[in-house]
Amino acid sequence: VVGVAVGPEVPADLRPRLPDVAAAHAGAGISVAWGAVSESGSLILPSTGTRAVQLLPPVHVVWVPEGRVFARMEDALRELLDGLPAAVGLHSGPSKSADIGRTVVTGVHGPGRCMVVFI
């Protein structure tokens, strides 16, 4: 990894000692999830200022606060309603698309690898 793209929400003590580069040129992107759902293996990612960091680099490292792991999606959504951001993304595995020739292609959007770190 030559450089990383770091989301603005990542605290200084969790930022790597690597050059910070634009997401389109980064070897990895680092962001903080709003939460995670164990039932579905989903990450709940905020859309504020970090979409490029989450989607463009080939590797996405996601910090998940330990107190934000929910058993079921209903539990997470109930908690989310208290401080609902403009938009969130529910990420539950590689993307799939069949919009060209009705042929399903896996992994067409987003990073090739995602690493989740519970903090």
PDB file of N, CA and C in Angstrom:
ATOM      1  N   VAL A   1       0.849  -1.177   0.000  1.00  0.00           N
ATOM      2  CA  VAL A   1       0.000   0.000   0.000  1.00  0.00           C
ATOM      3  C   VAL A   1       0.892   1.237   0.000  1.00  0.00           C
ATOM      4  N   VAL A   2       0.787   2.024  -1.039  1.00  0.00           N
ATOM      5  CA  VAL A   2       1.589   3.239  -1.161  1.00  0.00           C
ATOM      6  C   VAL A   2       0.967   4.379  -0.371  1.00  0.00           C
ATOM      7  N   GLY A   3      -0.319   4.503  -0.427  1.00  0.00           N
ATOM      8  CA  GLY A   3      -1.025   5.548   0.293  1.00  0.00           C
ATOM      9  C   GLY A   3      -2.432   5.088   0.608  1.00  0.00           C
ATOM     10  N   VAL A   4      -3.065   5.774   1.533  1.00  0.00           N
ATOM     11  CA  VAL A   4      -4.421   5.422   1.935  1.00  0.00           C
ATOM     12  C   VAL A   4      -5.325   6.641   1.850  1.00  0.00           C
ATOM     13  N   ALA A   5      -6.593   6.380   1.656  1.00  0.00           N
ATOM     14  CA  ALA A   5      -7.609   7.420   1.727  1.00  0.00           C
ATOM     15  C   ALA A   5      -8.323   7.223   3.054  1.00  0.00           C
ATOM     16  N   VAL A   6      -8.388   8.270   3.851  1.00  0.00           N
ATOM     17  CA  VAL A   6      -8.953   8.162   5.194  1.00  0.00           C
ATOM     18  C   VAL A   6     -10.170   9.077   5.296  1.00  0.00           C
ATOM     19  N   GLY A   7     -11.274   8.509   5.747  1.00  0.00           N
ATOM     20  CA  GLY A   7     -12.490   9.294   5.921  1.00  0.00           C
ATOM     21  C   GLY A   7     -12.323  10.331   7.013  1.00  0.00           C
ATOM     22  N   PRO A   8     -13.035  11.451   6.909  1.00  0.00           N
ATOM     23  CA  PRO A   8     -12.898  12.530   7.887  1.00  0.00           C
ATOM     24  C   PRO A   8     -13.341  12.145   9.293  1.00  0.00           C
ATOM     25  N   GLU A   9     -14.139  11.082   9.417  1.00  0.00           N
ATOM     26  CA  GLU A   9     -14.636  10.666  10.729  1.00  0.00           C
ATOM     27  C   GLU A   9     -13.658   9.784  11.490  1.00  0.00           C
ATOM     28  N   VAL A  10     -12.556   9.384  10.860  1.00  0.00           N
ATOM     29  CA  VAL A  10     -11.580   8.501  11.505  1.00  0.00           C
ATOM     30  C   VAL A  10     -10.749   9.314  12.500  1.00  0.00           C
ATOM     31  N   PRO A  11     -10.761   8.942  13.782  1.00  0.00           N
ATOM     32  CA  PRO A  11      -9.989   9.676  14.790  1.00  0.00           C
ATOM     33  C   PRO A  11      -8.483   9.619  14.499  1.00  0.00           C
ATOM     34  N   ALA A  12      -7.772  10.625  14.943  1.00  0.00           N
ATOM     35  CA  ALA A  12      -6.330  10.732  14.689  1.00  0.00           C
ATOM     36  C   ALA A  12      -5.565   9.508  15.165  1.00  0.00           C
ATOM     37  N   ASP A  13      -5.951   8.930  16.300  1.00  0.00           N
ATOM     38  CA  ASP A  13      -5.205   7.784  16.831  1.00  0.00           C
ATOM     39  C   ASP A  13      -5.450   6.494  16.044  1.00  0.00           C
ATOM     40  N   LEU A  14      -6.422   6.487  15.128  1.00  0.00           N
ATOM     41  CA  LEU A  14      -6.675   5.318  14.284  1.00  0.00           C
ATOM     42  C   LEU A  14      -6.190   5.508  12.849  1.00  0.00           C
ATOM     43  N   ARG A  15      -5.593   6.650  12.574  1.00  0.00           N
ATOM     44  CA  ARG A  15      -5.073   6.911  11.227  1.00  0.00           C
ATOM     45  C   ARG A  15      -3.696   6.272  11.078  1.00  0.00           C
ATOM     46  N   PRO A  16      -3.466   5.576   9.967  1.00  0.00           N
ATOM     47  CA  PRO A  16      -2.162   4.937   9.768  1.00  0.00           C
ATOM     48  C   PRO A  16      -1.079   5.961   9.456  1.00  0.00           C
ATOM     49  N   ARG A  17       0.148   5.557   9.656  1.00  0.00           N
ATOM     50  CA  ARG A  17       1.285   6.431   9.342  1.00  0.00           C
ATOM     51  C   ARG A  17       1.736   6.180   7.910  1.00  0.00           C
ATOM     52  N   LEU A  18       0.837   6.406   7.004  1.00  0.00           N
ATOM     53  CA  LEU A  18       1.078   6.272   5.572  1.00  0.00           C
ATOM     54  C   LEU A  18       0.609   7.552   4.905  1.00  0.00           C
ATOM     55  N   PRO A  19       1.118   7.842   3.719  1.00  0.00           N
ATOM     56  CA  PRO A  19       0.661   9.051   3.031  1.00  0.00           C
ATOM     57  C   PRO A  19      -0.846   9.002   2.767  1.00  0.00           C
ATOM     58  N   ASP A  20      -1.513  10.121   2.995  1.00  0.00           N
ATOM     59  CA  ASP A  20      -2.939  10.245   2.720  1.00  0.00           C
ATOM     60  C   ASP A  20      -3.080  10.696   1.267  1.00  0.00           C
ATOM     61  N   VAL A  21      -3.758   9.900   0.449  1.00  0.00           N
ATOM     62  CA  VAL A  21      -3.919  10.222  -0.967  1.00  0.00           C
ATOM     63  C   VAL A  21      -5.400  10.201  -1.327  1.00  0.00           C
ATOM     64  N   ALA A  22      -5.709  10.701  -2.518  1.00  0.00           N
ATOM     65  CA  ALA A  22      -7.093  10.688  -2.994  1.00  0.00           C
ATOM     66  C   ALA A  22      -7.580   9.251  -3.133  1.00  0.00           C
ATOM     67  N   ALA A  23      -8.858   9.033  -2.866  1.00  0.00           N
ATOM     68  CA  ALA A  23      -9.427   7.682  -2.870  1.00  0.00           C
ATOM     69  C   ALA A  23      -9.197   6.949  -4.187  1.00  0.00           C
ATOM     70  N   ALA A  24      -9.257   7.656  -5.301  1.00  0.00           N
ATOM     71  CA  ALA A  24      -9.084   7.015  -6.611  1.00  0.00           C
ATOM     72  C   ALA A  24      -7.683   6.445  -6.804  1.00  0.00           C
ATOM     73  N   HIS A  25      -6.707   6.922  -6.036  1.00  0.00           N
ATOM     74  CA  HIS A  25      -5.314   6.482  -6.184  1.00  0.00           C
ATOM     75  C   HIS A  25      -4.814   5.690  -4.982  1.00  0.00           C
ATOM     76  N   ALA A  26      -5.661   5.461  -4.006  1.00  0.00           N
ATOM     77  CA  ALA A  26      -5.240   4.817  -2.756  1.00  0.00           C
ATOM     78  C   ALA A  26      -5.210   3.298  -2.883  1.00  0.00           C
ATOM     79  N   GLY A  27      -4.292   2.690  -2.150  1.00  0.00           N
ATOM     80  CA  GLY A  27      -4.243   1.238  -2.063  1.00  0.00           C
ATOM     81  C   GLY A  27      -5.299   0.698  -1.120  1.00  0.00           C
ATOM     82  N   ALA A  28      -5.761   1.554  -0.195  1.00  0.00           N
ATOM     83  CA  ALA A  28      -6.792   1.164   0.766  1.00  0.00           C
ATOM     84  C   ALA A  28      -7.559   2.402   1.208  1.00  0.00           C
ATOM     85  N   GLY A  29      -8.789   2.195   1.586  1.00  0.00           N
ATOM     86  CA  GLY A  29      -9.609   3.241   2.171  1.00  0.00           C
ATOM     87  C   GLY A  29      -9.948   2.843   3.597  1.00  0.00           C
ATOM     88  N   ILE A  30      -9.978   3.821   4.488  1.00  0.00           N
ATOM     89  CA  ILE A  30     -10.271   3.553   5.897  1.00  0.00           C
ATOM     90  C   ILE A  30     -11.432   4.440   6.324  1.00  0.00           C
ATOM     91  N   SER A  31     -12.458   3.812   6.906  1.00  0.00           N
ATOM     92  CA  SER A  31     -13.598   4.582   7.389  1.00  0.00           C
ATOM     93  C   SER A  31     -14.129   3.961   8.677  1.00  0.00           C
ATOM     94  N   VAL A  32     -15.059   4.667   9.296  1.00  0.00           N
ATOM     95  CA  VAL A  32     -15.692   4.191  10.527  1.00  0.00           C
ATOM     96  C   VAL A  32     -17.154   3.898  10.219  1.00  0.00           C
ATOM     97  N   ALA A  33     -17.605   2.701  10.558  1.00  0.00           N
ATOM     98  CA  ALA A  33     -19.006   2.331  10.350  1.00  0.00           C
ATOM     99  C   ALA A  33     -19.866   2.916  11.460  1.00  0.00           C
ATOM    100  N   TRP A  34     -21.118   3.181  11.141  1.00  0.00           N
ATOM    101  CA  TRP A  34     -22.057   3.579  12.186  1.00  0.00           C
ATOM    102  C   TRP A  34     -22.346   2.377  13.071  1.00  0.00           C
ATOM    103  N   GLY A  35     -22.359   1.179  12.465  1.00  0.00           N
ATOM    104  CA  GLY A  35     -22.617  -0.038  13.221  1.00  0.00           C
ATOM    105  C   GLY A  35     -22.520  -1.260  12.337  1.00  0.00           C
ATOM    106  N   ALA A  36     -22.853  -2.407  12.917  1.00  0.00           N
ATOM    107  CA  ALA A  36     -22.837  -3.679  12.194  1.00  0.00           C
ATOM    108  C   ALA A  36     -23.969  -4.550  12.720  1.00  0.00           C
ATOM    109  N   VAL A  37     -24.441  -5.452  11.874  1.00  0.00           N
ATOM    110  CA  VAL A  37     -25.529  -6.359  12.237  1.00  0.00           C
ATOM    111  C   VAL A  37     -25.026  -7.789  12.100  1.00  0.00           C
ATOM    112  N   SER A  38     -24.994  -8.513  13.212  1.00  0.00           N
ATOM    113  CA  SER A  38     -24.437  -9.867  13.186  1.00  0.00           C
ATOM    114  C   SER A  38     -25.334 -10.853  12.437  1.00  0.00           C
ATOM    115  N   GLU A  39     -26.642 -10.687  12.502  1.00  0.00           N
ATOM    116  CA  GLU A  39     -27.582 -11.598  11.847  1.00  0.00           C
ATOM    117  C   GLU A  39     -27.314 -11.718  10.341  1.00  0.00           C
ATOM    118  N   SER A  40     -27.020 -10.597   9.700  1.00  0.00           N
ATOM    119  CA  SER A  40     -26.831 -10.585   8.246  1.00  0.00           C
ATOM    120  C   SER A  40     -25.381 -10.351   7.829  1.00  0.00           C
ATOM    121  N   GLY A  41     -24.517 -10.032   8.798  1.00  0.00           N
ATOM    122  CA  GLY A  41     -23.139  -9.702   8.459  1.00  0.00           C
ATOM    123  C   GLY A  41     -23.026  -8.353   7.776  1.00  0.00           C
ATOM    124  N   SER A  42     -23.981  -7.475   8.018  1.00  0.00           N
ATOM    125  CA  SER A  42     -24.033  -6.176   7.344  1.00  0.00           C
ATOM    126  C   SER A  42     -23.252  -5.108   8.091  1.00  0.00           C
ATOM    127  N   LEU A  43     -22.647  -4.224   7.317  1.00  0.00           N
ATOM    128  CA  LEU A  43     -22.053  -3.006   7.860  1.00  0.00           C
ATOM    129  C   LEU A  43     -23.008  -1.860   7.554  1.00  0.00           C
ATOM    130  N   ILE A  44     -23.184  -0.967   8.509  1.00  0.00           N
ATOM    131  CA  ILE A  44     -24.007   0.221   8.307  1.00  0.00           C
ATOM    132  C   ILE A  44     -23.035   1.380   8.166  1.00  0.00           C
ATOM    133  N   LEU A  45     -22.906   1.868   6.931  1.00  0.00           N
ATOM    134  CA  LEU A  45     -21.906   2.887   6.636  1.00  0.00           C
ATOM    135  C   LEU A  45     -22.568   4.225   6.350  1.00  0.00           C
ATOM    136  N   PRO A  46     -22.088   5.293   6.991  1.00  0.00           N
ATOM    137  CA  PRO A  46     -22.639   6.620   6.730  1.00  0.00           C
ATOM    138  C   PRO A  46     -22.237   7.090   5.341  1.00  0.00           C
ATOM    139  N   SER A  47     -23.051   7.942   4.761  1.00  0.00           N
ATOM    140  CA  SER A  47     -22.748   8.440   3.421  1.00  0.00           C
ATOM    141  C   SER A  47     -22.107   9.823   3.447  1.00  0.00           C
ATOM    142  N   THR A  48     -21.906  10.375   4.607  1.00  0.00           N
ATOM    143  CA  THR A  48     -21.403  11.742   4.712  1.00  0.00           C
ATOM    144  C   THR A  48     -19.891  11.806   4.516  1.00  0.00           C
ATOM    145  N   GLY A  49     -19.469  12.245   3.347  1.00  0.00           N
ATOM    146  CA  GLY A  49     -18.062  12.523   3.084  1.00  0.00           C
ATOM    147  C   GLY A  49     -17.145  11.336   2.915  1.00  0.00           C
ATOM    148  N   THR A  50     -17.664  10.100   2.943  1.00  0.00           N
ATOM    149  CA  THR A  50     -16.762   8.949   2.882  1.00  0.00           C
ATOM    150  C   THR A  50     -17.087   7.969   1.764  1.00  0.00           C
ATOM    151  N   ARG A  51     -18.030   8.254   0.905  1.00  0.00           N
ATOM    152  CA  ARG A  51     -18.419   7.296  -0.133  1.00  0.00           C
ATOM    153  C   ARG A  51     -17.240   6.912  -1.023  1.00  0.00           C
ATOM    154  N   ALA A  52     -16.441   7.870  -1.454  1.00  0.00           N
ATOM    155  CA  ALA A  52     -15.289   7.553  -2.308  1.00  0.00           C
ATOM    156  C   ALA A  52     -14.287   6.678  -1.561  1.00  0.00           C
ATOM    157  N   VAL A  53     -14.078   6.963  -0.285  1.00  0.00           N
ATOM    158  CA  VAL A  53     -13.151   6.168   0.540  1.00  0.00           C
ATOM    159  C   VAL A  53     -13.660   4.731   0.672  1.00  0.00           C
ATOM    160  N   GLN A  54     -14.968   4.556   0.762  1.00  0.00           N
ATOM    161  CA  GLN A  54     -15.572   3.228   0.919  1.00  0.00           C
ATOM    162  C   GLN A  54     -15.592   2.429  -0.380  1.00  0.00           C
ATOM    163  N   LEU A  55     -15.658   3.094  -1.527  1.00  0.00           N
ATOM    164  CA  LEU A  55     -15.914   2.394  -2.784  1.00  0.00           C
ATOM    165  C   LEU A  55     -14.761   2.334  -3.779  1.00  0.00           C
ATOM    166  N   LEU A  56     -13.882   3.327  -3.811  1.00  0.00           N
ATOM    167  CA  LEU A  56     -12.879   3.384  -4.877  1.00  0.00           C
ATOM    168  C   LEU A  56     -11.610   2.561  -4.655  1.00  0.00           C
ATOM    169  N   PRO A  57     -10.989   2.565  -3.476  1.00  0.00           N
ATOM    170  CA  PRO A  57      -9.765   1.767  -3.303  1.00  0.00           C
ATOM    171  C   PRO A  57     -10.056   0.264  -3.401  1.00  0.00           C
ATOM    172  N   PRO A  58      -9.058  -0.539  -3.756  1.00  0.00           N
ATOM    173  CA  PRO A  58      -9.265  -1.988  -3.875  1.00  0.00           C
ATOM    174  C   PRO A  58      -9.493  -2.692  -2.534  1.00  0.00           C
ATOM    175  N   VAL A  59      -9.103  -2.053  -1.434  1.00  0.00           N
ATOM    176  CA  VAL A  59      -9.278  -2.613  -0.093  1.00  0.00           C
ATOM    177  C   VAL A  59      -9.977  -1.567   0.773  1.00  0.00           C
ATOM    178  N   HIS A  60     -10.972  -1.999   1.542  1.00  0.00           N
ATOM    179  CA  HIS A  60     -11.661  -1.087   2.469  1.00  0.00           C
ATOM    180  C   HIS A  60     -11.496  -1.634   3.883  1.00  0.00           C
ATOM    181  N   VAL A  61     -10.894  -0.844   4.745  1.00  0.00           N
ATOM    182  CA  VAL A  61     -10.746  -1.191   6.159  1.00  0.00           C
ATOM    183  C   VAL A  61     -11.807  -0.403   6.918  1.00  0.00           C
ATOM    184  N   VAL A  62     -12.639  -1.109   7.660  1.00  0.00           N
ATOM    185  CA  VAL A  62     -13.748  -0.472   8.366  1.00  0.00           C
ATOM    186  C   VAL A  62     -13.577  -0.669   9.864  1.00  0.00           C
ATOM    187  N   TRP A  63     -13.516   0.432  10.595  1.00  0.00           N
ATOM    188  CA  TRP A  63     -13.504   0.375  12.055  1.00  0.00           C
ATOM    189  C   TRP A  63     -14.960   0.330  12.504  1.00  0.00           C
ATOM    190  N   VAL A  64     -15.308  -0.616  13.371  1.00  0.00           N
ATOM    191  CA  VAL A  64     -16.669  -0.716  13.912  1.00  0.00           C
ATOM    192  C   VAL A  64     -16.588  -0.566  15.427  1.00  0.00           C
ATOM    193  N   PRO A  65     -17.224   0.472  15.989  1.00  0.00           N
ATOM    194  CA  PRO A  65     -17.234   0.614  17.445  1.00  0.00           C
ATOM    195  C   PRO A  65     -17.909  -0.597  18.099  1.00  0.00           C
ATOM    196  N   GLU A  66     -17.271  -1.143  19.107  1.00  0.00           N
ATOM    197  CA  GLU A  66     -17.737  -2.365  19.769  1.00  0.00           C
ATOM    198  C   GLU A  66     -19.187  -2.255  20.262  1.00  0.00           C
ATOM    199  N   GLY A  67     -19.566  -1.096  20.749  1.00  0.00           N
ATOM    200  CA  GLY A  67     -20.918  -0.906  21.263  1.00  0.00           C
ATOM    201  C   GLY A  67     -21.975  -0.736  20.194  1.00  0.00           C
ATOM    202  N   ARG A  68     -21.584  -0.820  18.931  1.00  0.00           N
ATOM    203  CA  ARG A  68     -22.512  -0.629  17.817  1.00  0.00           C
ATOM    204  C   ARG A  68     -22.708  -1.905  16.999  1.00  0.00           C
ATOM    205  N   VAL A  69     -22.552  -3.059  17.637  1.00  0.00           N
ATOM    206  CA  VAL A  69     -22.818  -4.337  16.971  1.00  0.00           C
ATOM    207  C   VAL A  69     -24.183  -4.813  17.455  1.00  0.00           C
ATOM    208  N   PHE A  70     -25.099  -4.972  16.528  1.00  0.00           N
ATOM    209  CA  PHE A  70     -26.475  -5.324  16.859  1.00  0.00           C
ATOM    210  C   PHE A  70     -26.768  -6.749  16.403  1.00  0.00           C
ATOM    211  N   ALA A  71     -27.595  -7.447  17.155  1.00  0.00           N
ATOM    212  CA  ALA A  71     -27.944  -8.825  16.808  1.00  0.00           C
ATOM    213  C   ALA A  71     -28.792  -8.875  15.540  1.00  0.00           C
ATOM    214  N   ARG A  72     -29.788  -7.978  15.461  1.00  0.00           N
ATOM    215  CA  ARG A  72     -30.726  -7.998  14.335  1.00  0.00           C
ATOM    216  C   ARG A  72     -30.829  -6.621  13.700  1.00  0.00           C
ATOM    217  N   MET A  73     -31.224  -6.585  12.442  1.00  0.00           N
ATOM    218  CA  MET A  73     -31.377  -5.322  11.725  1.00  0.00           C
ATOM    219  C   MET A  73     -32.402  -4.428  12.414  1.00  0.00           C
ATOM    220  N   GLU A  74     -33.466  -5.019  12.944  1.00  0.00           N
ATOM    221  CA  GLU A  74     -34.493  -4.228  13.621  1.00  0.00           C
ATOM    222  C   GLU A  74     -33.905  -3.451  14.796  1.00  0.00           C
ATOM    223  N   ASP A  75     -32.994  -4.086  15.531  1.00  0.00           N
ATOM    224  CA  ASP A  75     -32.352  -3.419  16.669  1.00  0.00           C
ATOM    225  C   ASP A  75     -31.516  -2.235  16.199  1.00  0.00           C
ATOM    226  N   ALA A  76     -30.787  -2.432  15.123  1.00  0.00           N
ATOM    227  CA  ALA A  76     -29.946  -1.358  14.590  1.00  0.00           C
ATOM    228  C   ALA A  76     -30.797  -0.202  14.086  1.00  0.00           C
ATOM    229  N   LEU A  77     -31.865  -0.506  13.367  1.00  0.00           N
ATOM    230  CA  LEU A  77     -32.719   0.547  12.821  1.00  0.00           C
ATOM    231  C   LEU A  77     -33.420   1.325  13.923  1.00  0.00           C
ATOM    232  N   ARG A  78     -33.823   0.644  14.976  1.00  0.00           N
ATOM    233  CA  ARG A  78     -34.449   1.326  16.107  1.00  0.00           C
ATOM    234  C   ARG A  78     -33.478   2.349  16.705  1.00  0.00           C
ATOM    235  N   GLU A  79     -32.230   1.949  16.861  1.00  0.00           N
ATOM    236  CA  GLU A  79     -31.194   2.838  17.401  1.00  0.00           C
ATOM    237  C   GLU A  79     -30.860   3.951  16.408  1.00  0.00           C
ATOM    238  N   LEU A  80     -30.830   3.611  15.140  1.00  0.00           N
ATOM    239  CA  LEU A  80     -30.482   4.568  14.098  1.00  0.00           C
ATOM    240  C   LEU A  80     -31.498   5.696  14.003  1.00  0.00           C
ATOM    241  N   LEU A  81     -32.758   5.410  14.281  1.00  0.00           N
ATOM    242  CA  LEU A  81     -33.803   6.422  14.181  1.00  0.00           C
ATOM    243  C   LEU A  81     -33.577   7.591  15.128  1.00  0.00           C
ATOM    244  N   ASP A  82     -32.850   7.367  16.215  1.00  0.00           N
ATOM    245  CA  ASP A  82     -32.581   8.450  17.163  1.00  0.00           C
ATOM    246  C   ASP A  82     -31.679   9.526  16.574  1.00  0.00           C
ATOM    247  N   GLY A  83     -30.805   9.174  15.663  1.00  0.00           N
ATOM    248  CA  GLY A  83     -29.894  10.147  15.064  1.00  0.00           C
ATOM    249  C   GLY A  83     -29.714   9.868  13.590  1.00  0.00           C
ATOM    250  N   LEU A  84     -30.817   9.769  12.874  1.00  0.00           N
ATOM    251  CA  LEU A  84     -30.802   9.358  11.482  1.00  0.00           C
ATOM    252  C   LEU A  84     -30.044  10.344  10.597  1.00  0.00           C
ATOM    253  N   PRO A  85     -28.962   9.893   9.951  1.00  0.00           N
ATOM    254  CA  PRO A  85     -28.269  10.752   8.996  1.00  0.00           C
ATOM    255  C   PRO A  85     -29.068  10.840   7.694  1.00  0.00           C
ATOM    256  N   ALA A  86     -28.613  11.665   6.772  1.00  0.00           N
ATOM    257  CA  ALA A  86     -29.319  11.839   5.504  1.00  0.00           C
ATOM    258  C   ALA A  86     -29.440  10.522   4.745  1.00  0.00           C
ATOM    259  N   ALA A  87     -28.403   9.703   4.806  1.00  0.00           N
ATOM    260  CA  ALA A  87     -28.426   8.404   4.118  1.00  0.00           C
ATOM    261  C   ALA A  87     -27.383   7.491   4.741  1.00  0.00           C
ATOM    262  N   VAL A  88     -27.645   6.201   4.688  1.00  0.00           N
ATOM    263  CA  VAL A  88     -26.670   5.197   5.114  1.00  0.00           C
ATOM    264  C   VAL A  88     -26.644   4.105   4.054  1.00  0.00           C
ATOM    265  N   GLY A  89     -25.540   3.372   4.018  1.00  0.00           N
ATOM    266  CA  GLY A  89     -25.436   2.223   3.132  1.00  0.00           C
ATOM    267  C   GLY A  89     -25.396   0.957   3.959  1.00  0.00           C
ATOM    268  N   LEU A  90     -26.152  -0.042   3.552  1.00  0.00           N
ATOM    269  CA  LEU A  90     -26.111  -1.349   4.201  1.00  0.00           C
ATOM    270  C   LEU A  90     -25.285  -2.257   3.299  1.00  0.00           C
ATOM    271  N   HIS A  91     -24.087  -2.593   3.737  1.00  0.00           N
ATOM    272  CA  HIS A  91     -23.161  -3.390   2.932  1.00  0.00           C
ATOM    273  C   HIS A  91     -23.105  -4.800   3.504  1.00  0.00           C
ATOM    274  N   SER A  92     -23.476  -5.779   2.678  1.00  0.00           N
ATOM    275  CA  SER A  92     -23.563  -7.165   3.149  1.00  0.00           C
ATOM    276  C   SER A  92     -22.900  -8.136   2.179  1.00  0.00           C
ATOM    277  N   GLY A  93     -21.760  -7.788   1.664  1.00  0.00           N
ATOM    278  CA  GLY A  93     -21.064  -8.681   0.745  1.00  0.00           C
ATOM    279  C   GLY A  93     -20.822  -8.020  -0.590  1.00  0.00           C
ATOM    280  N   PRO A  94     -20.259  -8.766  -1.524  1.00  0.00           N
ATOM    281  CA  PRO A  94     -19.926  -8.167  -2.820  1.00  0.00           C
ATOM    282  C   PRO A  94     -21.184  -7.775  -3.590  1.00  0.00           C
ATOM    283  N   SER A  95     -21.057  -6.725  -4.381  1.00  0.00           N
ATOM    284  CA  SER A  95     -22.188  -6.269  -5.181  1.00  0.00           C
ATOM    285  C   SER A  95     -22.449  -7.244  -6.321  1.00  0.00           C
ATOM    286  N   LYS A  96     -23.676  -7.210  -6.798  1.00  0.00           N
ATOM    287  CA  LYS A  96     -24.047  -8.022  -7.957  1.00  0.00           C
ATOM    288  C   LYS A  96     -24.865  -7.146  -8.890  1.00  0.00           C
ATOM    289  N   SER A  97     -24.699  -7.382 -10.163  1.00  0.00           N
ATOM    290  CA  SER A  97     -25.454  -6.643 -11.159  1.00  0.00           C
ATOM    291  C   SER A  97     -25.774  -7.570 -12.320  1.00  0.00           C
ATOM    292  N   ALA A  98     -26.954  -7.392 -12.884  1.00  0.00           N
ATOM    293  CA  ALA A  98     -27.340  -8.144 -14.077  1.00  0.00           C
ATOM    294  C   ALA A  98     -27.938  -7.190 -15.098  1.00  0.00           C
ATOM    295  N   ASP A  99     -27.493  -5.936 -15.065  1.00  0.00           N
ATOM    296  CA  ASP A  99     -28.101  -4.934 -15.923  1.00  0.00           C
ATOM    297  C   ASP A  99     -27.588  -4.960 -17.364  1.00  0.00           C
ATOM    298  N   ILE A 100     -26.563  -5.728 -17.653  1.00  0.00           N
ATOM    299  CA  ILE A 100     -26.068  -5.832 -19.027  1.00  0.00           C
ATOM    300  C   ILE A 100     -26.281  -7.269 -19.498  1.00  0.00           C
ATOM    301  N   GLY A 101     -27.189  -7.456 -20.407  1.00  0.00           N
ATOM    302  CA  GLY A 101     -27.447  -8.773 -20.971  1.00  0.00           C
ATOM    303  C   GLY A 101     -28.012  -9.787 -20.000  1.00  0.00           C
ATOM    304  N   ARG A 102     -28.548  -9.336 -18.884  1.00  0.00           N
ATOM    305  CA  ARG A 102     -29.129 -10.215 -17.860  1.00  0.00           C
ATOM    306  C   ARG A 102     -28.153 -11.283 -17.373  1.00  0.00           C
ATOM    307  N   THR A 103     -26.888 -10.977 -17.407  1.00  0.00           N
ATOM    308  CA  THR A 103     -25.858 -11.878 -16.900  1.00  0.00           C
ATOM    309  C   THR A 103     -25.399 -11.357 -15.550  1.00  0.00           C
ATOM    310  N   VAL A 104     -25.523 -12.178 -14.513  1.00  0.00           N
ATOM    311  CA  VAL A 104     -25.143 -11.756 -13.165  1.00  0.00           C
ATOM    312  C   VAL A 104     -23.619 -11.706 -13.054  1.00  0.00           C
ATOM    313  N   VAL A 105     -23.129 -10.550 -12.648  1.00  0.00           N
ATOM    314  CA  VAL A 105     -21.699 -10.347 -12.431  1.00  0.00           C
ATOM    315  C   VAL A 105     -21.519  -9.945 -10.973  1.00  0.00           C
ATOM    316  N   THR A 106     -20.607 -10.600 -10.272  1.00  0.00           N
ATOM    317  CA  THR A 106     -20.356 -10.315  -8.854  1.00  0.00           C
ATOM    318  C   THR A 106     -19.132  -9.424  -8.708  1.00  0.00           C
ATOM    319  N   GLY A 107     -19.219  -8.474  -7.786  1.00  0.00           N
ATOM    320  CA  GLY A 107     -18.077  -7.626  -7.460  1.00  0.00           C
ATOM    321  C   GLY A 107     -17.813  -6.500  -8.432  1.00  0.00           C
ATOM    322  N   VAL A 108     -18.861  -5.960  -9.036  1.00  0.00           N
ATOM    323  CA  VAL A 108     -18.661  -4.903 -10.026  1.00  0.00           C
ATOM    324  C   VAL A 108     -18.534  -3.518  -9.406  1.00  0.00           C
ATOM    325  N   HIS A 109     -18.991  -3.345  -8.192  1.00  0.00           N
ATOM    326  CA  HIS A 109     -18.917  -2.048  -7.514  1.00  0.00           C
ATOM    327  C   HIS A 109     -18.186  -2.224  -6.192  1.00  0.00           C
ATOM    328  N   GLY A 110     -17.406  -1.253  -5.825  1.00  0.00           N
ATOM    329  CA  GLY A 110     -16.763  -1.283  -4.515  1.00  0.00           C
ATOM    330  C   GLY A 110     -15.454  -2.040  -4.491  1.00  0.00           C
ATOM    331  N   PRO A 111     -14.880  -2.164  -3.303  1.00  0.00           N
ATOM    332  CA  PRO A 111     -13.558  -2.783  -3.157  1.00  0.00           C
ATOM    333  C   PRO A 111     -13.598  -4.297  -3.366  1.00  0.00           C
ATOM    334  N   GLY A 112     -12.448  -4.849  -3.699  1.00  0.00           N
ATOM    335  CA  GLY A 112     -12.334  -6.299  -3.842  1.00  0.00           C
ATOM    336  C   GLY A 112     -12.230  -7.005  -2.503  1.00  0.00           C
ATOM    337  N   ARG A 113     -11.719  -6.292  -1.501  1.00  0.00           N
ATOM    338  CA  ARG A 113     -11.577  -6.865  -0.149  1.00  0.00           C
ATOM    339  C   ARG A 113     -12.078  -5.860   0.877  1.00  0.00           C
ATOM    340  N   CYS A 114     -12.680  -6.385   1.924  1.00  0.00           N
ATOM    341  CA  CYS A 114     -13.133  -5.547   3.033  1.00  0.00           C
ATOM    342  C   CYS A 114     -12.657  -6.194   4.325  1.00  0.00           C
ATOM    343  N   MET A 115     -11.985  -5.419   5.144  1.00  0.00           N
ATOM    344  CA  MET A 115     -11.521  -5.904   6.446  1.00  0.00           C
ATOM    345  C   MET A 115     -12.228  -5.117   7.535  1.00  0.00           C
ATOM    346  N   VAL A 116     -12.806  -5.823   8.488  1.00  0.00           N
ATOM    347  CA  VAL A 116     -13.552  -5.190   9.572  1.00  0.00           C
ATOM    348  C   VAL A 116     -12.755  -5.336  10.860  1.00  0.00           C
ATOM    349  N   VAL A 117     -12.575  -4.206  11.551  1.00  0.00           N
ATOM    350  CA  VAL A 117     -11.835  -4.188  12.814  1.00  0.00           C
ATOM    351  C   VAL A 117     -12.770  -3.633  13.881  1.00  0.00           C
ATOM    352  N   PHE A 118     -13.005  -4.416  14.929  1.00  0.00           N
ATOM    353  CA  PHE A 118     -13.870  -3.961  16.021  1.00  0.00           C
ATOM    354  C   PHE A 118     -13.028  -3.226  17.050  1.00  0.00           C
ATOM    355  N   ILE A 119     -13.456  -2.004  17.378  1.00  0.00           N
ATOM    356  CA  ILE A 119     -12.688  -1.171  18.318  1.00  0.00           C
ATOM    357  C   ILE A 119     -13.526  -0.848  19.540  1.00  0.00           C
TER     358      ILE A 119
END
